[in-house]
């Protein structure tokens, strides 16, 4: 039985581990475990605690009638600081109850949610990303085998040395391409907002804003973003209304210039060096 007003809305904290994930929402906890998504109302939660050990775990205990043990959900989390922050925030968000008041069965209030269609699409994209990563790896290994079979000792040495500049060059250009794609989408259909510093997660500062639908969103801005005000600390940002999780802080023009020069000079230099050390060795082998 609740004896006081509902606590203020908690921060949007999460914990993730191999056993699943927990996300703290305004009036509930979202649990994803064993491929099932469940929403647990905070009114159905008796306590949220932290189990110690080699691998800490967040423990969510549901309410239950007197004499009946409450259902317990556990999600492991390697980051003890993150797990502790989640437990503290969830504990503050729980409604106040009289110690001797009767409890209902909390499991009756747990709602099983339908599969997340966006997550399924994201899984398909993840497989494509894996395939895009494995393809060049397979080509690299195949080229190395060809050089070994043909007895090109110098070519094998240079081929192995060329792996590092090749990987770093592709990594730089890959990051830049992903960032430019997001910025291009946001430029076409993004909605501009002002985000206010809300809380910190470890060493990261998390900002919050309210989207056009009235939903409070959270994100971590780029460290190069300049605040538009200091008290309160705010940054300008743009989010995608079709995918609100895609949020980018507005960056000053000089940041774009410096990053473009860095990727252009650094990435291109690495790839030119990698071209001589890697594919060019096969060209030499078959041009003899």
Protein backbone atom coordinates (compact mmCIF):
# COMPACT_ATOMS: atom_id res chain seq x y z
CA UNK A 1 0.00 0.00 0.00
CA UNK A 2 1.47 3.32 -1.05
CA UNK A 3 1.64 5.93 1.70
CA UNK A 4 3.11 8.90 -0.11
CA UNK A 5 3.29 10.61 -3.46
CA UNK A 6 5.09 8.92 -6.32
CA UNK A 7 8.84 9.69 -6.46
CA UNK A 8 10.10 11.91 -9.28
CA UNK A 9 10.90 10.33 -12.63
CA UNK A 10 14.17 8.37 -12.38
CA UNK A 11 17.11 8.79 -14.76
CA UNK A 12 17.21 6.43 -17.76
CA UNK A 13 19.82 3.95 -16.55
CA UNK A 14 20.50 0.48 -17.91
CA UNK A 15 22.54 -2.58 -17.00
CA UNK A 16 23.57 -5.22 -19.52
CA UNK A 17 25.21 -8.59 -19.28
CA UNK A 18 25.25 -12.01 -20.88
CA UNK A 19 22.08 -12.96 -19.03
CA UNK A 20 20.02 -10.03 -20.32
CA UNK A 21 19.40 -6.34 -19.69
CA UNK A 22 17.40 -4.03 -17.44
CA UNK A 23 16.29 -0.51 -18.32
CA UNK A 24 14.81 1.91 -15.80
CA UNK A 25 11.77 3.70 -17.21
CA UNK A 26 9.49 6.33 -15.70
CA UNK A 27 7.13 3.92 -13.90
CA UNK A 28 8.54 0.54 -14.76
CA UNK A 29 11.60 -1.61 -15.41
CA UNK A 30 12.08 -3.13 -18.84
CA UNK A 31 13.60 -6.62 -18.68
CA UNK A 32 15.02 -8.40 -21.72
CA UNK A 33 16.09 -11.96 -20.99
CA UNK A 34 16.20 -15.20 -22.99
CA UNK A 35 14.69 -13.48 -26.00
CA UNK A 36 11.63 -12.24 -24.03
CA UNK A 37 10.82 -8.60 -23.28
CA UNK A 38 8.86 -7.86 -20.10
CA UNK A 39 7.73 -4.60 -18.53
CA UNK A 40 7.65 -4.71 -14.72
CA UNK A 41 5.69 -1.87 -13.07
CA UNK A 42 7.55 -0.30 -10.16
CA UNK A 43 4.41 -0.85 -8.05
CA UNK A 44 4.99 -4.60 -8.47
CA UNK A 45 8.62 -4.44 -7.27
CA UNK A 46 9.43 -5.13 -3.62
CA UNK A 47 13.13 -4.33 -3.82
CA UNK A 48 16.05 -3.88 -6.18
CA UNK A 49 19.41 -5.03 -4.88
CA UNK A 50 22.95 -5.91 -5.85
CA UNK A 51 24.37 -9.42 -5.54
CA UNK A 52 28.12 -9.48 -5.05
CA UNK A 53 30.67 -12.04 -6.17
CA UNK A 54 33.05 -12.39 -9.08
CA UNK A 55 30.36 -11.13 -11.42
CA UNK A 56 27.94 -8.68 -9.75
CA UNK A 57 24.27 -8.98 -10.63
CA UNK A 58 21.26 -6.71 -10.22
CA UNK A 59 18.42 -8.45 -8.40
CA UNK A 60 14.78 -7.40 -8.91
CA UNK A 61 12.36 -8.96 -6.38
CA UNK A 62 8.62 -8.74 -7.05
CA UNK A 63 5.96 -8.29 -4.39
CA UNK A 64 4.23 -11.39 -3.07
CA UNK A 65 1.57 -12.25 -0.44
CA UNK A 66 2.79 -12.87 3.10
CA UNK A 67 4.50 -16.22 3.43
CA UNK A 68 5.15 -16.52 -0.31
CA UNK A 69 8.59 -15.77 -1.76
CA UNK A 70 8.58 -13.10 -4.44
CA UNK A 71 9.71 -13.84 -7.97
CA UNK A 72 13.34 -12.83 -8.49
CA UNK A 73 14.98 -11.67 -11.74
CA UNK A 74 18.76 -11.40 -12.00
CA UNK A 75 20.90 -9.74 -14.66
CA UNK A 76 24.68 -9.85 -14.38
CA UNK A 77 26.75 -6.75 -15.03
CA UNK A 78 30.55 -6.55 -15.19
CA UNK A 79 30.49 -2.81 -14.51
CA UNK A 80 29.97 -2.57 -10.75
CA UNK A 81 29.61 1.23 -10.84
CA UNK A 82 26.85 1.02 -13.45
CA UNK A 83 25.04 -1.72 -11.51
CA UNK A 84 25.27 0.24 -8.26
CA UNK A 85 23.93 3.40 -9.91
CA UNK A 86 21.01 1.42 -11.33
CA UNK A 87 20.16 -0.14 -7.96
CA UNK A 88 20.32 3.23 -6.18
CA UNK A 89 18.14 4.97 -8.79
CA UNK A 90 15.60 2.14 -8.90
CA UNK A 91 15.43 2.03 -5.10
CA UNK A 92 14.64 5.75 -4.95
CA UNK A 93 11.95 5.33 -7.61
CA UNK A 94 10.05 2.57 -5.78
CA UNK A 95 6.81 3.69 -4.12
CA UNK A 96 6.79 3.98 -0.32
CA UNK A 97 4.92 1.15 1.44
CA UNK A 98 3.85 0.35 4.98
CA UNK A 99 6.07 -2.51 6.25
CA UNK A 100 3.08 -4.57 7.41
CA UNK A 101 0.74 -3.76 4.54
CA UNK A 102 -0.48 -6.73 2.47
CA UNK A 103 1.24 -7.35 -0.85
CA UNK A 104 -0.24 -8.53 -4.12
CA UNK A 105 1.42 -11.03 -6.43
CA UNK A 106 3.70 -8.85 -8.55
CA UNK A 107 3.98 -11.44 -11.34
CA UNK A 108 0.33 -10.79 -12.23
CA UNK A 109 1.25 -7.24 -13.22
CA UNK A 110 4.25 -8.11 -15.39
CA UNK A 111 3.47 -7.52 -19.06
CA UNK A 112 5.11 -9.61 -21.77
CA UNK A 113 5.83 -7.34 -24.74
CA UNK A 114 5.83 -8.29 -28.42
CA UNK A 115 9.20 -8.73 -30.15
CA UNK A 116 11.00 -5.49 -30.92
CA UNK A 117 10.74 -5.11 -34.71
CA UNK A 118 13.43 -2.45 -34.75
CA UNK A 119 15.79 -4.73 -32.85
CA UNK A 120 15.13 -7.55 -35.34
CA UNK A 121 16.01 -5.22 -38.20
CA UNK A 122 19.09 -4.14 -36.30
CA UNK A 123 20.08 -7.80 -35.92
CA UNK A 124 19.90 -8.24 -39.70
CA UNK A 125 22.13 -5.19 -40.11
CA UNK A 126 24.54 -6.67 -37.59
CA UNK A 127 24.85 -9.82 -39.72
CA UNK A 128 25.56 -7.68 -42.76
CA UNK A 129 28.22 -5.85 -40.75
CA UNK A 130 29.80 -9.15 -39.74
CA UNK A 131 29.80 -10.30 -43.37
CA UNK A 132 31.35 -6.99 -44.46
CA UNK A 133 34.09 -7.51 -41.86
CA UNK A 134 34.77 -11.18 -42.62
CA UNK A 135 35.01 -10.70 -46.40
CA UNK A 136 38.21 -8.57 -46.37
CA UNK A 137 39.65 -10.82 -43.64
CA UNK A 138 39.10 -13.87 -45.86
CA UNK A 139 40.66 -12.07 -48.85
CA UNK A 140 43.67 -11.06 -46.74
CA UNK A 141 44.26 -14.62 -45.54
CA UNK A 142 43.78 -16.00 -49.05
CA UNK A 143 46.43 -13.60 -50.39
CA UNK A 144 48.81 -14.60 -47.61
CA UNK A 145 48.36 -18.30 -48.47
CA UNK A 146 49.07 -17.58 -52.16
CA UNK A 147 52.35 -15.85 -51.28
CA UNK A 148 53.40 -18.67 -48.95
CA UNK A 149 52.62 -21.35 -51.54
CA UNK A 150 54.66 -19.48 -54.15
CA UNK A 151 57.61 -19.08 -51.79
CA UNK A 152 57.60 -15.25 -51.87
CA UNK A 153 59.34 -14.74 -48.50
CA UNK A 154 59.73 -10.96 -48.78
CA UNK A 155 56.15 -10.68 -49.98
CA UNK A 156 54.92 -12.64 -46.96
CA UNK A 157 56.84 -10.37 -44.56
CA UNK A 158 55.54 -7.18 -46.19
CA UNK A 159 52.02 -8.64 -46.37
CA UNK A 160 52.02 -9.26 -42.61
CA UNK A 161 53.50 -5.82 -41.86
CA UNK A 162 50.83 -4.21 -44.02
CA UNK A 163 47.99 -5.50 -41.86
CA UNK A 164 48.25 -2.69 -39.30
CA UNK A 165 48.15 0.32 -41.68
CA UNK A 166 45.42 -1.42 -43.72
CA UNK A 167 43.25 -2.02 -40.66
CA UNK A 168 43.73 1.48 -39.22
CA UNK A 169 43.13 3.15 -42.58
CA UNK A 170 39.90 1.24 -43.19
CA UNK A 171 38.83 1.88 -39.59
CA UNK A 172 39.28 5.64 -39.96
CA UNK A 173 37.36 5.77 -43.22
CA UNK A 174 34.66 3.45 -41.85
CA UNK A 175 34.04 5.66 -38.81
CA UNK A 176 33.95 8.76 -41.00
CA UNK A 177 31.51 7.16 -43.45
CA UNK A 178 29.14 6.11 -40.63
CA UNK A 179 29.26 9.57 -39.04
CA UNK A 180 28.68 11.32 -42.37
CA UNK A 181 25.73 9.03 -43.13
CA UNK A 182 24.07 9.91 -39.81
CA UNK A 183 24.75 13.62 -40.31
CA UNK A 184 23.37 13.45 -43.86
CA UNK A 185 20.13 11.85 -42.64
CA UNK A 186 19.79 14.38 -39.83
CA UNK A 187 20.38 17.24 -42.25
CA UNK A 188 17.52 15.96 -44.43
CA UNK A 189 14.89 15.13 -41.80
CA UNK A 190 16.35 15.96 -38.37
CA UNK A 191 14.57 18.00 -35.69
CA UNK A 192 16.63 20.58 -33.79
CA UNK A 193 16.46 20.64 -29.98
CA UNK A 194 18.31 22.00 -26.96
CA UNK A 195 19.58 19.24 -24.68
CA UNK A 196 20.30 19.86 -20.99
CA UNK A 197 22.90 18.09 -18.88
CA UNK A 198 20.99 15.53 -16.80
CA UNK A 199 23.40 13.16 -15.05
CA UNK A 200 26.74 11.44 -15.37
CA UNK A 201 27.38 7.78 -16.11
CA UNK A 202 30.92 7.03 -15.02
CA UNK A 203 32.98 9.76 -16.67
CA UNK A 204 30.38 10.40 -19.38
CA UNK A 205 27.99 13.33 -19.21
CA UNK A 206 24.47 12.40 -20.31
CA UNK A 207 22.15 15.07 -21.74
CA UNK A 208 18.36 14.96 -21.96
CA UNK A 209 15.75 16.56 -24.22
CA UNK A 210 12.03 16.19 -24.89
CA UNK A 211 11.14 15.21 -28.46
CA UNK A 212 8.17 16.43 -30.50
CA UNK A 213 6.00 13.62 -29.08
CA UNK A 214 6.69 14.66 -25.50
CA UNK A 215 9.04 11.73 -24.79
CA UNK A 216 12.14 12.44 -22.74
CA UNK A 217 15.29 11.21 -24.53
CA UNK A 218 18.88 10.81 -23.40
CA UNK A 219 22.18 10.82 -25.30
CA UNK A 220 25.91 11.44 -24.90
CA UNK A 221 27.04 14.37 -27.07
CA UNK A 222 30.32 14.52 -28.95
CA UNK A 223 33.07 15.91 -26.71
CA UNK A 224 33.74 18.60 -29.33
CA UNK A 225 30.21 20.03 -28.95
CA UNK A 226 30.23 23.55 -27.54
CA UNK A 227 27.61 24.46 -24.90
CA UNK A 228 25.07 27.13 -25.83
CA UNK A 229 24.62 27.95 -22.14
CA UNK A 230 26.51 27.17 -18.94
CA UNK A 231 23.85 27.37 -16.23
CA UNK A 232 22.09 25.13 -17.01
CA UNK A 233 24.62 23.42 -19.26
CA UNK A 234 23.02 22.93 -22.69
CA UNK A 235 24.10 21.88 -26.17
CA UNK A 236 22.34 22.15 -29.52
CA UNK A 237 21.43 18.77 -31.03
CA UNK A 238 19.47 17.21 -33.87
CA UNK A 239 17.51 13.94 -33.67
CA UNK A 240 15.85 11.71 -36.26
CA UNK A 241 12.04 11.58 -35.68
CA UNK A 242 11.90 8.17 -37.42
CA UNK A 243 14.63 6.77 -35.18
CA UNK A 244 14.92 8.97 -32.06
CA UNK A 245 17.97 7.04 -30.86
CA UNK A 246 19.91 8.70 -33.70
CA UNK A 247 20.96 11.97 -32.04
CA UNK A 248 23.96 14.14 -32.82
CA UNK A 249 25.17 17.30 -31.15
CA UNK A 250 25.80 20.29 -33.42
CA UNK A 251 29.55 20.68 -33.92
CA UNK A 252 31.44 23.90 -34.77
CA UNK A 253 32.75 24.31 -38.33
CA UNK A 254 36.40 24.15 -37.26
CA UNK A 255 35.85 20.67 -35.84
CA UNK A 256 34.65 19.43 -39.23
CA UNK A 257 37.64 21.02 -40.97
CA UNK A 258 40.17 19.47 -38.58
CA UNK A 259 38.53 16.04 -38.69
CA UNK A 260 38.31 16.09 -42.47
CA UNK A 261 42.00 16.97 -42.72
CA UNK A 262 42.87 14.30 -40.18
CA UNK A 263 40.96 11.55 -41.98
CA UNK A 264 42.10 12.73 -45.41
CA UNK A 265 45.78 12.91 -44.55
CA UNK A 266 46.05 10.15 -41.96
CA UNK A 267 43.63 7.65 -43.49
CA UNK A 268 44.86 8.12 -47.03
CA UNK A 269 48.52 7.84 -46.01
CA UNK A 270 47.82 4.59 -44.19
CA UNK A 271 45.91 3.12 -47.13
CA UNK A 272 48.63 4.12 -49.62
CA UNK A 273 51.23 2.40 -47.44
CA UNK A 274 48.94 -0.61 -47.05
CA UNK A 275 48.47 -0.82 -50.84
CA UNK A 276 52.24 -1.18 -51.34
CA UNK A 277 52.61 -3.70 -48.51
CA UNK A 278 49.56 -5.86 -49.25
CA UNK A 279 47.85 -6.08 -52.69
CA UNK A 280 50.91 -4.82 -54.58
CA UNK A 281 52.83 -7.94 -53.51
CA UNK A 282 50.39 -10.11 -55.44
CA UNK A 283 50.69 -7.83 -58.43
CA UNK A 284 54.49 -8.25 -58.33
CA UNK A 285 54.14 -12.01 -57.96
CA UNK A 286 51.98 -12.43 -61.06
CA UNK A 287 53.78 -9.81 -63.18
CA UNK A 288 57.04 -11.75 -63.18
